[in-house]
Structures are given as C-alpha cells and as structure tokens.
PDB file of N, CA and C in Angstrom:
ATOM      1  N   MET A   1      11.031   5.351 -11.352  1.00  0.00           N
ATOM      2  CA  MET A   1      12.189   5.976 -11.961  1.00  0.00           C
ATOM      3  C   MET A   1      12.574   5.164 -13.184  1.00  0.00           C
ATOM      4  N   THR A   2      12.912   5.862 -14.254  1.00  0.00           N
ATOM      5  CA  THR A   2      13.444   5.224 -15.449  1.00  0.00           C
ATOM      6  C   THR A   2      14.820   5.806 -15.744  1.00  0.00           C
ATOM      7  N   TRP A   3      15.543   5.106 -16.585  1.00  0.00           N
ATOM      8  CA  TRP A   3      16.880   5.526 -16.996  1.00  0.00           C
ATOM      9  C   TRP A   3      16.843   5.896 -18.468  1.00  0.00           C
ATOM     10  N   GLN A   4      17.473   7.017 -18.796  1.00  0.00           N
ATOM     11  CA  GLN A   4      17.490   7.491 -20.171  1.00  0.00           C
ATOM     12  C   GLN A   4      18.902   7.394 -20.729  1.00  0.00           C
ATOM     13  N   LEU A   5      18.991   6.933 -21.968  1.00  0.00           N
ATOM     14  CA  LEU A   5      20.256   6.883 -22.682  1.00  0.00           C
ATOM     15  C   LEU A   5      20.248   8.004 -23.705  1.00  0.00           C
ATOM     16  N   TRP A   6      21.292   8.828 -23.664  1.00  0.00           N
ATOM     17  CA  TRP A   6      21.428   9.979 -24.547  1.00  0.00           C
ATOM     18  C   TRP A   6      22.680   9.826 -25.392  1.00  0.00           C
ATOM     19  N   ARG A   7      22.693  10.505 -26.535  1.00  0.00           N
ATOM     20  CA  ARG A   7      23.918  10.592 -27.338  1.00  0.00           C
ATOM     21  C   ARG A   7      24.093  12.011 -27.840  1.00  0.00           C
ATOM     22  N   GLN A   8      25.338  12.366 -28.080  1.00  0.00           N
ATOM     23  CA  GLN A   8      25.666  13.673 -28.639  1.00  0.00           C
ATOM     24  C   GLN A   8      26.451  13.438 -29.909  1.00  0.00           C
ATOM     25  N   ASP A   9      26.038  14.089 -30.999  1.00  0.00           N
ATOM     26  CA  ASP A   9      26.730  13.902 -32.264  1.00  0.00           C
ATOM     27  C   ASP A   9      27.911  14.862 -32.398  1.00  0.00           C
ATOM     28  N   ASP A  10      28.573  14.790 -33.529  1.00  0.00           N
ATOM     29  CA  ASP A  10      29.770  15.597 -33.767  1.00  0.00           C
ATOM     30  C   ASP A  10      29.495  17.097 -33.777  1.00  0.00           C
ATOM     31  N   ASN A  11      28.251  17.490 -33.993  1.00  0.00           N
ATOM     32  CA  ASN A  11      27.882  18.904 -34.030  1.00  0.00           C
ATOM     33  C   ASN A  11      27.356  19.410 -32.691  1.00  0.00           C
ATOM     34  N   GLY A  12      27.387  18.558 -31.666  1.00  0.00           N
ATOM     35  CA  GLY A  12      26.925  18.959 -30.345  1.00  0.00           C
ATOM     36  C   GLY A  12      25.433  18.788 -30.121  1.00  0.00           C
ATOM     37  N   ASN A  13      24.713  18.230 -31.097  1.00  0.00           N
ATOM     38  CA  ASN A  13      23.282  17.984 -30.941  1.00  0.00           C
ATOM     39  C   ASN A  13      23.071  16.774 -30.045  1.00  0.00           C
ATOM     40  N   ARG A  14      22.105  16.872 -29.141  1.00  0.00           N
ATOM     41  CA  ARG A  14      21.824  15.793 -28.189  1.00  0.00           C
ATOM     42  C   ARG A  14      20.503  15.130 -28.537  1.00  0.00           C
ATOM     43  N   PHE A  15      20.485  13.792 -28.430  1.00  0.00           N
ATOM     44  CA  PHE A  15      19.314  13.010 -28.790  1.00  0.00           C
ATOM     45  C   PHE A  15      19.038  11.958 -27.734  1.00  0.00           C
ATOM     46  N   LEU A  16      17.776  11.782 -27.410  1.00  0.00           N
ATOM     47  CA  LEU A  16      17.372  10.710 -26.517  1.00  0.00           C
ATOM     48  C   LEU A  16      17.343   9.422 -27.323  1.00  0.00           C
ATOM     49  N   VAL A  17      18.143   8.444 -26.915  1.00  0.00           N
ATOM     50  CA  VAL A  17      18.172   7.150 -27.583  1.00  0.00           C
ATOM     51  C   VAL A  17      17.007   6.292 -27.099  1.00  0.00           C
ATOM     52  N   GLY A  18      16.753   6.306 -25.781  1.00  0.00           N
ATOM     53  CA  GLY A  18      15.647   5.516 -25.261  1.00  0.00           C
ATOM     54  C   GLY A  18      15.511   5.597 -23.764  1.00  0.00           C
ATOM     55  N   ASP A  19      14.369   5.126 -23.287  1.00  0.00           N
ATOM     56  CA  ASP A  19      14.074   5.022 -21.856  1.00  0.00           C
ATOM     57  C   ASP A  19      14.139   3.550 -21.469  1.00  0.00           C
ATOM     58  N   PHE A  20      14.718   3.263 -20.302  1.00  0.00           N
ATOM     59  CA  PHE A  20      14.907   1.888 -19.856  1.00  0.00           C
ATOM     60  C   PHE A  20      14.446   1.751 -18.411  1.00  0.00           C
ATOM     61  N   GLU A  21      13.931   0.575 -18.083  1.00  0.00           N
ATOM     62  CA  GLU A  21      13.432   0.334 -16.727  1.00  0.00           C
ATOM     63  C   GLU A  21      14.554   0.215 -15.710  1.00  0.00           C
ATOM     64  N   THR A  22      15.741  -0.250 -16.146  1.00  0.00           N
ATOM     65  CA  THR A  22      16.869  -0.394 -15.234  1.00  0.00           C
ATOM     66  C   THR A  22      18.115   0.230 -15.849  1.00  0.00           C
ATOM     67  N   ARG A  23      19.039   0.616 -14.987  1.00  0.00           N
ATOM     68  CA  ARG A  23      20.306   1.161 -15.460  1.00  0.00           C
ATOM     69  C   ARG A  23      21.087   0.098 -16.237  1.00  0.00           C
ATOM     70  N   GLU A  24      20.977  -1.152 -15.790  1.00  0.00           N
ATOM     71  CA  GLU A  24      21.688  -2.233 -16.468  1.00  0.00           C
ATOM     72  C   GLU A  24      21.275  -2.353 -17.930  1.00  0.00           C
ATOM     73  N   LEU A  25      19.982  -2.258 -18.198  1.00  0.00           N
ATOM     74  CA  LEU A  25      19.513  -2.323 -19.586  1.00  0.00           C
ATOM     75  C   LEU A  25      20.038  -1.148 -20.402  1.00  0.00           C
ATOM     76  N   ALA A  26      20.045   0.033 -19.814  1.00  0.00           N
ATOM     77  CA  ALA A  26      20.583   1.210 -20.501  1.00  0.00           C
ATOM     78  C   ALA A  26      22.078   1.042 -20.775  1.00  0.00           C
ATOM     79  N   GLU A  27      22.811   0.493 -19.811  1.00  0.00           N
ATOM     80  CA  GLU A  27      24.249   0.285 -19.991  1.00  0.00           C
ATOM     81  C   GLU A  27      24.534  -0.743 -21.087  1.00  0.00           C
ATOM     82  N   ARG A  28      23.709  -1.780 -21.168  1.00  0.00           N
ATOM     83  CA  ARG A  28      23.887  -2.785 -22.236  1.00  0.00           C
ATOM     84  C   ARG A  28      23.706  -2.159 -23.605  1.00  0.00           C
ATOM     85  N   LYS A  29      22.660  -1.350 -23.741  1.00  0.00           N
ATOM     86  CA  LYS A  29      22.411  -0.683 -25.019  1.00  0.00           C
ATOM     87  C   LYS A  29      23.552   0.268 -25.350  1.00  0.00           C
ATOM     88  N   MET A  30      24.009   1.025 -24.351  1.00  0.00           N
ATOM     89  CA  MET A  30      25.104   1.968 -24.566  1.00  0.00           C
ATOM     90  C   MET A  30      26.369   1.241 -24.996  1.00  0.00           C
ATOM     91  N   ALA A  31      26.675   0.109 -24.368  1.00  0.00           N
ATOM     92  CA  ALA A  31      27.868  -0.656 -24.721  1.00  0.00           C
ATOM     93  C   ALA A  31      27.775  -1.149 -26.160  1.00  0.00           C
ATOM     94  N   GLY A  32      26.599  -1.594 -26.572  1.00  0.00           N
ATOM     95  CA  GLY A  32      26.418  -2.039 -27.943  1.00  0.00           C
ATOM     96  C   GLY A  32      26.617  -0.919 -28.944  1.00  0.00           C
ATOM     97  N   LEU A  33      26.074   0.245 -28.647  1.00  0.00           N
ATOM     98  CA  LEU A  33      26.234   1.395 -29.537  1.00  0.00           C
ATOM     99  C   LEU A  33      27.676   1.880 -29.573  1.00  0.00           C
ATOM    100  N   ALA A  34      28.357   1.818 -28.442  1.00  0.00           N
ATOM    101  CA  ALA A  34      29.740   2.303 -28.363  1.00  0.00           C
ATOM    102  C   ALA A  34      30.687   1.421 -29.167  1.00  0.00           C
ATOM    103  N   ARG A  35      30.287   0.189 -29.468  1.00  0.00           N
ATOM    104  CA  ARG A  35      31.126  -0.699 -30.279  1.00  0.00           C
ATOM    105  C   ARG A  35      31.096  -0.341 -31.757  1.00  0.00           C
ATOM    106  N   GLY A  36      30.228   0.582 -32.133  1.00  0.00           N
ATOM    107  CA  GLY A  36      30.105   0.979 -33.535  1.00  0.00           C
ATOM    108  C   GLY A  36      31.363   1.658 -34.057  1.00  0.00           C
ATOM    109  N   HIS A  37      31.443   1.772 -35.368  1.00  0.00           N
ATOM    110  CA  HIS A  37      32.627   2.354 -35.998  1.00  0.00           C
ATOM    111  C   HIS A  37      32.710   3.865 -35.827  1.00  0.00           C
ATOM    112  N   HIS A  38      31.571   4.533 -35.853  1.00  0.00           N
ATOM    113  CA  HIS A  38      31.557   5.992 -35.699  1.00  0.00           C
ATOM    114  C   HIS A  38      31.318   6.310 -34.234  1.00  0.00           C
ATOM    115  N   LYS A  39      32.321   6.846 -33.587  1.00  0.00           N
ATOM    116  CA  LYS A  39      32.224   7.095 -32.148  1.00  0.00           C
ATOM    117  C   LYS A  39      31.418   8.360 -31.859  1.00  0.00           C
ATOM    118  N   GLN A  40      30.509   8.222 -30.929  1.00  0.00           N
ATOM    119  CA  GLN A  40      29.698   9.328 -30.437  1.00  0.00           C
ATOM    120  C   GLN A  40      29.843   9.360 -28.923  1.00  0.00           C
ATOM    121  N   ILE A  41      29.325  10.382 -28.312  1.00  0.00           N
ATOM    122  CA  ILE A  41      29.323  10.462 -26.853  1.00  0.00           C
ATOM    123  C   ILE A  41      27.967   9.956 -26.369  1.00  0.00           C
ATOM    124  N   TYR A  42      27.980   9.010 -25.426  1.00  0.00           N
ATOM    125  CA  TYR A  42      26.766   8.461 -24.834  1.00  0.00           C
ATOM    126  C   TYR A  42      26.804   8.661 -23.332  1.00  0.00           C
ATOM    127  N   TRP A  43      25.646   8.885 -22.725  1.00  0.00           N
ATOM    128  CA  TRP A  43      25.575   8.947 -21.268  1.00  0.00           C
ATOM    129  C   TRP A  43      24.194   8.523 -20.815  1.00  0.00           C
ATOM    130  N   ILE A  44      24.129   8.166 -19.547  1.00  0.00           N
ATOM    131  CA  ILE A  44      22.889   7.696 -18.944  1.00  0.00           C
ATOM    132  C   ILE A  44      22.499   8.651 -17.830  1.00  0.00           C
ATOM    133  N   SER A  45      21.216   8.981 -17.776  1.00  0.00           N
ATOM    134  CA  SER A  45      20.695   9.784 -16.672  1.00  0.00           C
ATOM    135  C   SER A  45      19.404   9.136 -16.193  1.00  0.00           C
ATOM    136  N   ASN A  46      19.031   9.428 -14.963  1.00  0.00           N
ATOM    137  CA  ASN A  46      17.750   8.901 -14.494  1.00  0.00           C
ATOM    138  C   ASN A  46      16.738  10.022 -14.428  1.00  0.00           C
ATOM    139  N   THR A  47      15.473   9.655 -14.392  1.00  0.00           N
ATOM    140  CA  THR A  47      14.415  10.656 -14.462  1.00  0.00           C
ATOM    141  C   THR A  47      14.271  11.469 -13.187  1.00  0.00           C
ATOM    142  N   CYS A  48      14.972  11.076 -12.120  1.00  0.00           N
ATOM    143  CA  CYS A  48      14.936  11.845 -10.871  1.00  0.00           C
ATOM    144  C   CYS A  48      15.939  12.984 -10.869  1.00  0.00           C
ATOM    145  N   GLU A  49      16.873  12.978 -11.835  1.00  0.00           N
ATOM    146  CA  GLU A  49      17.889  14.024 -11.895  1.00  0.00           C
ATOM    147  C   GLU A  49      17.346  15.225 -12.649  1.00  0.00           C
ATOM    148  N   GLN A  50      17.918  16.367 -12.385  1.00  0.00           N
ATOM    149  CA  GLN A  50      17.565  17.583 -13.107  1.00  0.00           C
ATOM    150  C   GLN A  50      18.230  17.542 -14.475  1.00  0.00           C
ATOM    151  N   GLY A  51      17.478  17.729 -15.538  1.00  0.00           N
ATOM    152  CA  GLY A  51      18.034  17.796 -16.883  1.00  0.00           C
ATOM    153  C   GLY A  51      18.615  16.462 -17.321  1.00  0.00           C
ATOM    154  N   ASP A  52      19.695  16.531 -18.110  1.00  0.00           N
ATOM    155  CA  ASP A  52      20.319  15.318 -18.622  1.00  0.00           C
ATOM    156  C   ASP A  52      21.771  15.237 -18.208  1.00  0.00           C
ATOM    157  N   ALA A  53      22.028  15.518 -16.936  1.00  0.00           N
ATOM    158  CA  ALA A  53      23.390  15.520 -16.412  1.00  0.00           C
ATOM    159  C   ALA A  53      24.009  14.147 -16.522  1.00  0.00           C
ATOM    160  N   ASP A  54      25.298  14.111 -16.746  1.00  0.00           N
ATOM    161  CA  ASP A  54      26.062  12.874 -16.825  1.00  0.00           C
ATOM    162  C   ASP A  54      26.088  12.199 -15.465  1.00  0.00           C
ATOM    163  N   THR A  55      25.884  10.885 -15.459  1.00  0.00           N
ATOM    164  CA  THR A  55      25.908  10.141 -14.208  1.00  0.00           C
ATOM    165  C   THR A  55      27.132   9.241 -14.121  1.00  0.00           C
ATOM    166  N   GLY A  56      28.146   9.546 -14.899  1.00  0.00           N
ATOM    167  CA  GLY A  56      29.382   8.773 -14.811  1.00  0.00           C
ATOM    168  C   GLY A  56      29.424   7.570 -15.713  1.00  0.00           C
ATOM    169  N   GLY A  57      28.485   7.424 -16.615  1.00  0.00           N
ATOM    170  CA  GLY A  57      28.476   6.273 -17.474  1.00  0.00           C
ATOM    171  C   GLY A  57      28.639   6.625 -18.941  1.00  0.00           C
ATOM    172  N   SER A  58      29.478   7.578 -19.264  1.00  0.00           N
ATOM    173  CA  SER A  58      29.602   7.984 -20.658  1.00  0.00           C
ATOM    174  C   SER A  58      30.700   7.228 -21.373  1.00  0.00           C
ATOM    175  N   TYR A  59      30.512   7.062 -22.679  1.00  0.00           N
ATOM    176  CA  TYR A  59      31.485   6.407 -23.549  1.00  0.00           C
ATOM    177  C   TYR A  59      31.708   7.274 -24.757  1.00  0.00           C
ATOM    178  N   ARG A  60      32.884   7.187 -25.334  1.00  0.00           N
ATOM    179  CA  ARG A  60      33.176   7.864 -26.601  1.00  0.00           C
ATOM    180  C   ARG A  60      33.579   6.845 -27.614  1.00  0.00           C
TER     181      ARG A  60
END
C-alpha cells in the first residue's frame, strides 16, 4: 500500500502531488506545502481506497 498526496486548485482541478511509502511522509510533505502563501486544498488517500476520497488529513 502507498499513500497519495493530492491537491485541488482554485478552479477545482485535482492533481496528484506524489506517492509516498508511509502516511507520515505524505503528511510531512502536505504540511510543508500548506505553509505556502497561496492556500490550496490538500488531502491524503491510500491506494487501497476507492478513488481519491478524503481520509481526514486535508489542509487549506
């Protein structure tokens, strides 16, 4: 199982930021991106889930 970090831009477009071996690594990357000046929506999903559903780790 891998963990995927996704982002959604202001126009509703969704992009895969990256695949990570652990949720912790994905969360670290997400926290770093969330510190940026332009706020986007980020979330983490695992490859065992259907689609790219939010797993409770989103930031704006």
